[in-house]
Amino acid sequence: MIHQHTAYPFRLSPTFRLDTADPKSAYIYMMSASPGLLAGDELNISLQLANNTSLYLTDQAATNVHSISIPDTKAITNYEIEIGESAALEFVPEPLILFKDSALQQTTRIKIHPTGNLFLSEIIVPGRLAREEIYDFHYYCNRLEVSSTEGELWFTDAMRLEGKLNPFKNSDIFASAPILGNAIALLPKANLELLREAVEDLEIAKCSDIVVASSILPQSKGLLIRAIAKSTHELKKYQKYTLNCVRRFGDRSPLPHIPK
């Protein structure tokens, strides 16, 4: 890394080289000494990848979004990401757990060179399920905007997930598969139809109790993938399979073991 700056309670791990087949790729953990996101918290993360660099970014544990004690407050996270020419970013955070009475607003803005590669994923857990806490949060808003480094807007994706007021929270689909997953993959040279077939092949993925749907992004820039699952473990397993599909179509080696 050329430059990094963090403020307590956040910090970054040293840079690891975990892939013997691709020793130039960097693997970095985001770490936090805090118990999670509290009402009124604002987390700002800025990330720039120089030309011809490769980074896998993750964190060590799930992010807990805690209950709000003051009405009409929320936690806020903002991501500003720039990916240079022929650079590759894989951003795979651990699950986001929405506690009872929590509220979170998240914005992600990405600028990417036309030759850059991106895999971005998230897993949303609608409560502390072991305590039978499900969809008791207020809301989760997530807005994603992707544009070229020249400023051309490629696509946006906006989601507002209601908790207590969700009219579908007791439906068979949501009740039987409460864990939600989203991912986008931007690969400038990949055959997106074949990639789409691969990520939806749950037999090869060896994933059960999961439902997956994908669609090609506007201008054939990449793929959008959504999934619901009965367990976090099953969705993380599918997430790893999907990333390995993306790596294969991008002529990269499989994902190495990522110790947690």
Protein backbone atom coordinates (compact mmCIF):
# COMPACT_ATOMS: atom_id res chain seq x y z
CA MET A 1 0.00 0.00 0.00
CA ILE A 2 1.26 3.47 -0.87
CA HIS A 3 -0.75 5.37 1.75
CA GLN A 4 -3.29 4.59 4.42
CA HIS A 5 -5.01 6.60 7.11
CA THR A 6 -7.44 5.29 9.71
CA ALA A 7 -8.95 6.74 12.88
CA TYR A 8 -9.86 4.88 16.07
CA PRO A 9 -11.57 2.46 16.43
CA PHE A 10 -10.73 1.34 12.88
CA ARG A 11 -7.47 0.13 11.42
CA LEU A 12 -6.13 -1.97 8.56
CA SER A 13 -4.14 -5.16 8.81
CA PRO A 14 -0.71 -5.54 7.24
CA THR A 15 -0.75 -6.57 3.59
CA PHE A 16 -0.79 -10.34 3.10
CA ARG A 17 0.22 -12.27 -0.03
CA LEU A 18 -1.93 -15.40 0.26
CA ASP A 19 -2.01 -16.53 -3.37
CA THR A 20 1.16 -18.33 -4.44
CA ALA A 21 -0.14 -18.40 -8.03
CA ASP A 22 -0.56 -14.60 -7.96
CA PRO A 23 1.93 -13.19 -5.43
CA LYS A 24 1.31 -9.58 -6.50
CA SER A 25 -2.29 -9.63 -5.24
CA ALA A 26 -2.77 -7.98 -1.85
CA TYR A 27 -5.09 -9.33 0.87
CA ILE A 28 -6.09 -6.87 3.60
CA TYR A 29 -8.46 -6.98 6.59
CA MET A 30 -10.43 -4.04 7.96
CA MET A 31 -10.46 -4.26 11.76
CA SER A 32 -12.46 -2.46 14.44
CA ALA A 33 -12.29 -2.26 18.21
CA SER A 34 -15.90 -1.04 18.41
CA PRO A 35 -18.93 -3.26 19.14
CA GLY A 36 -20.47 -2.27 15.80
CA LEU A 37 -22.45 0.65 14.39
CA LEU A 38 -24.40 2.77 16.86
CA ALA A 39 -27.07 5.41 16.23
CA GLY A 40 -25.41 8.61 15.07
CA ASP A 41 -22.24 6.86 13.90
CA GLU A 42 -20.91 7.86 10.49
CA LEU A 43 -18.30 5.63 8.88
CA ASN A 44 -16.46 6.98 5.83
CA ILE A 45 -14.17 4.74 3.80
CA SER A 46 -12.20 5.92 0.77
CA LEU A 47 -10.27 3.45 -1.35
CA GLN A 48 -8.15 4.01 -4.47
CA LEU A 49 -6.51 1.26 -6.50
CA ALA A 50 -3.64 2.35 -8.72
CA ASN A 51 -3.22 0.98 -12.23
CA ASN A 52 -2.40 -2.75 -12.49
CA THR A 53 -2.97 -3.46 -8.79
CA SER A 54 -5.08 -6.23 -7.26
CA LEU A 55 -6.73 -6.18 -3.82
CA TYR A 56 -8.96 -8.53 -1.85
CA LEU A 57 -10.55 -6.57 1.02
CA THR A 58 -12.58 -8.09 3.83
CA ASP A 59 -13.11 -7.72 7.57
CA GLN A 60 -12.59 -10.07 10.49
CA ALA A 61 -16.13 -10.37 11.83
CA ALA A 62 -19.74 -9.48 11.16
CA THR A 63 -20.84 -5.86 11.59
CA ASN A 64 -23.53 -5.40 14.24
CA VAL A 65 -25.94 -2.50 13.70
CA HIS A 66 -27.22 -1.66 17.18
CA SER A 67 -30.60 -0.35 18.31
CA ILE A 68 -31.24 3.38 18.20
CA SER A 69 -32.08 5.02 21.53
CA ILE A 70 -33.00 8.43 20.07
CA PRO A 71 -35.96 8.61 17.66
CA ASP A 72 -35.25 9.44 14.02
CA THR A 73 -31.53 8.71 14.26
CA LYS A 74 -29.54 6.18 12.25
CA ALA A 75 -26.07 4.90 11.50
CA ILE A 76 -24.46 5.97 8.23
CA THR A 77 -21.75 4.35 6.12
CA ASN A 78 -20.21 5.91 3.02
CA TYR A 79 -17.83 4.19 0.61
CA GLU A 80 -15.88 6.05 -2.09
CA ILE A 81 -13.96 3.65 -4.34
CA GLU A 82 -11.81 4.30 -7.41
CA ILE A 83 -10.35 1.47 -9.50
CA GLY A 84 -7.57 2.28 -11.96
CA GLU A 85 -6.61 0.88 -15.34
CA SER A 86 -6.34 -2.95 -15.34
CA ALA A 87 -6.78 -2.96 -11.55
CA ALA A 88 -8.95 -5.50 -9.72
CA LEU A 89 -10.88 -5.13 -6.45
CA GLU A 90 -12.67 -7.90 -4.58
CA PHE A 91 -14.56 -6.40 -1.62
CA VAL A 92 -16.15 -9.18 0.42
CA PRO A 93 -17.33 -7.94 3.85
CA GLU A 94 -18.58 -10.24 6.56
CA PRO A 95 -22.37 -10.23 7.17
CA LEU A 96 -24.28 -7.16 8.29
CA ILE A 97 -26.56 -7.95 11.27
CA LEU A 98 -29.49 -5.58 11.81
CA PHE A 99 -30.42 -5.61 15.51
CA LYS A 100 -33.89 -4.83 16.81
CA ASP A 101 -34.80 -1.11 16.41
CA SER A 102 -31.71 -0.38 14.29
CA ALA A 103 -31.53 1.83 11.20
CA LEU A 104 -28.73 2.05 8.66
CA GLN A 105 -28.16 4.18 5.58
CA GLN A 106 -25.34 3.09 3.27
CA THR A 107 -24.02 4.77 0.13
CA THR A 108 -21.37 3.32 -2.18
CA ARG A 109 -19.91 5.31 -5.07
CA ILE A 110 -17.51 3.56 -7.41
CA LYS A 111 -15.44 4.98 -10.25
CA ILE A 112 -13.82 2.33 -12.40
CA HIS A 113 -11.62 2.38 -15.49
CA PRO A 114 -13.14 0.52 -18.47
CA THR A 115 -10.39 -2.11 -18.12
CA GLY A 116 -10.84 -2.47 -14.35
CA ASN A 117 -12.42 -5.45 -12.57
CA LEU A 118 -14.72 -5.46 -9.55
CA PHE A 119 -16.44 -8.00 -7.32
CA LEU A 120 -18.54 -6.45 -4.55
CA SER A 121 -20.81 -8.45 -2.25
CA GLU A 122 -22.90 -8.15 0.88
CA ILE A 123 -24.80 -10.48 3.19
CA ILE A 124 -27.69 -9.06 5.22
CA VAL A 125 -28.97 -10.82 8.34
CA PRO A 126 -32.34 -9.33 9.45
CA GLY A 127 -31.76 -9.71 13.19
CA ARG A 128 -30.21 -11.96 15.81
CA LEU A 129 -31.93 -15.08 14.58
CA ALA A 130 -30.77 -17.26 17.48
CA ARG A 131 -32.86 -15.00 19.75
CA GLU A 132 -35.83 -15.30 17.37
CA GLU A 133 -35.26 -11.66 16.45
CA ILE A 134 -36.19 -11.23 12.79
CA TYR A 135 -37.23 -8.11 10.87
CA ASP A 136 -37.50 -6.12 14.10
CA PHE A 137 -35.18 -3.37 12.79
CA HIS A 138 -36.52 -0.11 11.35
CA TYR A 139 -34.92 -0.06 7.90
CA TYR A 140 -31.78 -0.58 5.85
CA CYS A 141 -31.17 1.75 2.87
CA ASN A 142 -28.41 1.01 0.39
CA ARG A 143 -27.60 3.05 -2.71
CA LEU A 144 -24.91 1.96 -5.16
CA GLU A 145 -23.63 4.14 -8.00
CA VAL A 146 -21.05 2.97 -10.54
CA SER A 147 -19.49 5.24 -13.14
CA SER A 148 -16.41 5.30 -15.33
CA THR A 149 -13.32 7.26 -14.33
CA GLU A 150 -14.35 9.66 -17.12
CA GLY A 151 -17.59 10.40 -15.25
CA GLU A 152 -20.02 8.37 -17.40
CA LEU A 153 -22.77 6.85 -15.25
CA TRP A 154 -22.94 3.09 -15.85
CA PHE A 155 -25.69 2.08 -13.46
CA THR A 156 -27.26 2.64 -10.06
CA ASP A 157 -28.97 0.25 -7.68
CA ALA A 158 -31.10 1.38 -4.74
CA MET A 159 -32.67 -0.79 -2.05
CA ARG A 160 -34.77 0.05 0.98
CA LEU A 161 -35.35 -2.98 3.15
CA GLU A 162 -38.10 -2.43 5.69
CA GLY A 163 -38.02 -4.26 8.99
CA LYS A 164 -41.00 -3.88 11.32
CA LEU A 165 -43.17 -2.48 8.50
CA ASN A 166 -42.18 -5.11 5.94
CA PRO A 167 -45.48 -6.60 4.67
CA PHE A 168 -43.69 -9.71 3.39
CA LYS A 169 -41.64 -10.60 6.47
CA ASN A 170 -43.98 -13.44 7.43
CA SER A 171 -44.39 -14.77 3.90
CA ASP A 172 -43.18 -18.28 3.13
CA ILE A 173 -40.23 -17.02 1.08
CA PHE A 174 -38.84 -14.56 3.63
CA ALA A 175 -39.58 -16.73 6.64
CA SER A 176 -37.97 -19.86 5.18
CA ALA A 177 -34.92 -18.07 3.71
CA PRO A 178 -34.26 -14.93 5.77
CA ILE A 179 -30.61 -14.35 4.82
CA LEU A 180 -30.19 -11.94 1.90
CA GLY A 181 -27.21 -11.62 -0.42
CA ASN A 182 -26.24 -9.21 -3.19
CA ALA A 183 -23.22 -9.10 -5.47
CA ILE A 184 -22.04 -7.32 -8.57
CA ALA A 185 -19.25 -8.41 -10.89
CA LEU A 186 -17.70 -6.10 -13.49
CA LEU A 187 -15.52 -7.90 -16.03
CA PRO A 188 -14.82 -6.04 -19.27
CA LYS A 189 -13.82 -9.07 -21.35
CA ALA A 190 -15.95 -11.90 -19.92
CA ASN A 191 -18.75 -13.78 -21.66
CA LEU A 192 -21.54 -12.64 -19.35
CA GLU A 193 -24.11 -15.15 -20.59
CA LEU A 194 -21.79 -18.03 -19.71
CA LEU A 195 -20.91 -16.42 -16.39
CA ARG A 196 -24.59 -16.04 -15.61
CA GLU A 197 -25.18 -19.73 -16.31
CA ALA A 198 -22.25 -20.65 -14.08
CA VAL A 199 -23.32 -18.61 -11.03
CA GLU A 200 -26.87 -19.98 -11.25
CA ASP A 201 -25.73 -23.62 -11.41
CA LEU A 202 -26.42 -24.60 -7.80
CA GLU A 203 -25.69 -28.26 -8.49
CA ILE A 204 -22.09 -27.51 -9.36
CA ALA A 205 -21.97 -25.00 -6.51
CA LYS A 206 -23.15 -27.77 -4.16
CA CYS A 207 -25.41 -25.28 -2.41
CA SER A 208 -28.83 -26.25 -1.10
CA ASP A 209 -31.55 -24.23 0.64
CA ILE A 210 -30.71 -21.20 -1.49
CA VAL A 211 -32.46 -19.32 -4.30
CA VAL A 212 -30.41 -17.33 -6.82
CA ALA A 213 -31.25 -14.90 -9.63
CA SER A 214 -28.90 -12.86 -11.80
CA SER A 215 -29.14 -10.28 -14.56
CA ILE A 216 -26.72 -8.64 -16.96
CA LEU A 217 -26.09 -4.99 -16.16
CA PRO A 218 -26.83 -2.14 -18.60
CA GLN A 219 -24.39 -1.87 -21.52
CA SER A 220 -23.23 -5.41 -20.64
CA LYS A 221 -20.84 -3.99 -18.06
CA GLY A 222 -21.19 -6.94 -15.72
CA LEU A 223 -23.54 -9.09 -13.68
CA LEU A 224 -25.90 -8.41 -10.77
CA ILE A 225 -26.58 -11.39 -8.49
CA ARG A 226 -29.18 -11.70 -5.73
CA ALA A 227 -29.73 -14.64 -3.40
CA ILE A 228 -31.73 -15.70 -0.36
CA ALA A 229 -30.76 -18.57 1.91
CA LYS A 230 -31.77 -20.39 5.07
CA SER A 231 -28.40 -19.86 6.75
CA THR A 232 -25.47 -17.49 6.68
CA HIS A 233 -23.11 -20.42 6.25
CA GLU A 234 -24.85 -21.54 3.07
CA LEU A 235 -24.85 -18.04 1.59
CA LYS A 236 -21.16 -17.54 2.38
CA LYS A 237 -20.43 -20.86 0.70
CA TYR A 238 -22.32 -19.70 -2.39
CA GLN A 239 -20.57 -16.32 -2.26
CA LYS A 240 -17.19 -18.04 -2.42
CA TYR A 241 -18.35 -20.20 -5.34
CA THR A 242 -19.55 -17.10 -7.20
CA LEU A 243 -16.27 -15.27 -6.68
CA ASN A 244 -14.37 -18.29 -7.97
CA CYS A 245 -16.60 -18.27 -11.07
CA VAL A 246 -15.77 -14.61 -11.59
CA ARG A 247 -12.07 -15.32 -11.13
CA ARG A 248 -12.20 -18.16 -13.64
CA PHE A 249 -13.90 -16.00 -16.26
CA GLY A 250 -11.29 -13.32 -15.59
CA ASP A 251 -8.42 -15.81 -16.13
CA ARG A 252 -7.37 -15.71 -12.49
CA SER A 253 -6.47 -18.46 -10.05
CA PRO A 254 -9.07 -19.72 -7.53
CA LEU A 255 -9.51 -17.88 -4.26
CA PRO A 256 -6.93 -19.01 -1.68
CA HIS A 257 -7.81 -19.82 1.91
CA ILE A 258 -8.69 -16.59 3.73
CA PRO A 259 -8.05 -17.14 7.45
CA LYS A 260 -10.54 -15.51 9.82
